[in-house]
């Protein structure tokens, strides 16, 4: 993206999609990743409009044991490991290795 484009997780006006479809169409891990990325955006200065923030908070309330820090550690570990085309690591394996 260029400097004049807004780098956000989803396009403005997606509160309805988050409220009505994300909980239904995304699995638990996908919802957790969406929430972790939204939290990362907030930490870097991007603010969501109130309706989108409310939708994200509602989605977060549906996830038991959601831990954005755990997802961030997993991403950091994946990014910093050397590439191995034969390695196929599942999320559950990765979670065990980051604790």
Protein backbone atom coordinates (compact mmCIF):
# COMPACT_ATOMS: atom_id res chain seq x y z
CA UNK A 1 0.00 0.00 0.00
CA UNK A 2 1.07 3.54 -0.53
CA UNK A 3 1.49 6.08 2.23
CA UNK A 4 -1.81 7.75 1.37
CA UNK A 5 -3.83 4.53 1.72
CA UNK A 6 -5.15 3.48 5.09
CA UNK A 7 -3.55 0.25 6.30
CA UNK A 8 -6.28 -1.44 8.29
CA UNK A 9 -7.49 -4.97 8.91
CA UNK A 10 -10.77 -4.42 7.13
CA UNK A 11 -12.33 -1.63 5.14
CA UNK A 12 -14.31 1.02 6.99
CA UNK A 13 -17.95 0.14 7.52
CA UNK A 14 -17.40 -3.55 8.24
CA UNK A 15 -19.05 -3.61 11.66
CA UNK A 16 -22.11 -5.35 10.27
CA UNK A 17 -19.96 -8.06 8.65
CA UNK A 18 -18.11 -8.63 11.92
CA UNK A 19 -21.33 -8.81 13.93
CA UNK A 20 -23.33 -11.01 11.56
CA UNK A 21 -20.87 -13.08 9.57
CA UNK A 22 -17.49 -13.29 11.30
CA UNK A 23 -18.85 -15.32 14.20
CA UNK A 24 -20.61 -17.64 11.78
CA UNK A 25 -18.11 -17.87 8.90
CA UNK A 26 -14.75 -17.76 10.68
CA UNK A 27 -13.46 -20.60 12.84
CA UNK A 28 -12.14 -19.96 16.35
CA UNK A 29 -8.53 -19.56 15.24
CA UNK A 30 -9.47 -17.15 12.43
CA UNK A 31 -11.52 -15.04 14.85
CA UNK A 32 -8.63 -15.01 17.31
CA UNK A 33 -6.21 -13.92 14.58
CA UNK A 34 -8.57 -11.14 13.48
CA UNK A 35 -8.80 -9.91 17.07
CA UNK A 36 -5.02 -10.07 17.55
CA UNK A 37 -4.43 -8.05 14.38
CA UNK A 38 -7.03 -5.47 15.44
CA UNK A 39 -5.28 -5.20 18.81
CA UNK A 40 -1.92 -4.77 17.06
CA UNK A 41 -3.43 -2.02 14.91
CA UNK A 42 -4.69 -0.26 18.03
CA UNK A 43 -1.20 -0.44 19.52
CA UNK A 44 0.23 1.22 16.40
CA UNK A 45 -2.25 4.10 16.52
CA UNK A 46 -5.14 2.95 14.32
CA UNK A 47 -8.50 3.58 15.95
CA UNK A 48 -11.71 1.84 15.02
CA UNK A 49 -14.96 3.75 14.85
CA UNK A 50 -17.26 3.04 17.82
CA UNK A 51 -19.55 0.66 15.89
CA UNK A 52 -16.62 -1.45 14.66
CA UNK A 53 -15.00 -1.43 18.11
CA UNK A 54 -18.27 -2.65 19.60
CA UNK A 55 -18.51 -5.44 16.99
CA UNK A 56 -14.94 -6.56 17.69
CA UNK A 57 -15.56 -6.53 21.45
CA UNK A 58 -18.66 -8.66 20.91
CA UNK A 59 -16.65 -11.12 18.82
CA UNK A 60 -13.94 -11.23 21.49
CA UNK A 61 -16.55 -12.05 24.10
CA UNK A 62 -17.44 -15.19 22.15
CA UNK A 63 -13.91 -16.62 22.36
CA UNK A 64 -12.97 -18.51 25.48
CA UNK A 65 -9.29 -18.26 26.34
CA UNK A 66 -8.44 -15.67 23.68
CA UNK A 67 -4.89 -14.45 24.25
CA UNK A 68 -3.58 -11.90 21.74
CA UNK A 69 -0.11 -12.08 23.29
CA UNK A 70 0.03 -15.82 22.59
CA UNK A 71 -0.78 -15.18 18.93
CA UNK A 72 1.85 -12.43 18.72
CA UNK A 73 4.50 -14.76 20.19
CA UNK A 74 3.53 -17.48 17.70
CA UNK A 75 3.77 -15.06 14.78
CA UNK A 76 7.16 -13.80 15.98
CA UNK A 77 8.42 -17.35 16.29
CA UNK A 78 7.22 -18.25 12.79
CA UNK A 79 8.75 -15.11 11.27
CA UNK A 80 12.12 -15.61 12.95
CA UNK A 81 12.57 -19.31 12.18
CA UNK A 82 14.50 -20.28 9.06
CA UNK A 83 12.33 -21.40 6.18
CA UNK A 84 11.87 -25.14 5.80
CA UNK A 85 9.58 -26.21 2.96
CA UNK A 86 9.10 -29.64 4.56
CA UNK A 87 7.89 -28.21 7.88
CA UNK A 88 4.15 -28.18 8.35
CA UNK A 89 3.33 -26.93 11.83
CA UNK A 90 -0.21 -26.86 13.12
CA UNK A 91 -1.48 -24.09 15.38
CA UNK A 92 -1.76 -26.51 18.33
CA UNK A 93 1.91 -27.58 17.87
CA UNK A 94 3.00 -23.97 17.65
CA UNK A 95 1.07 -23.04 20.80
CA UNK A 96 2.88 -25.80 22.74
CA UNK A 97 6.28 -24.51 21.61
CA UNK A 98 5.79 -20.87 22.58
CA UNK A 99 4.85 -21.36 26.20
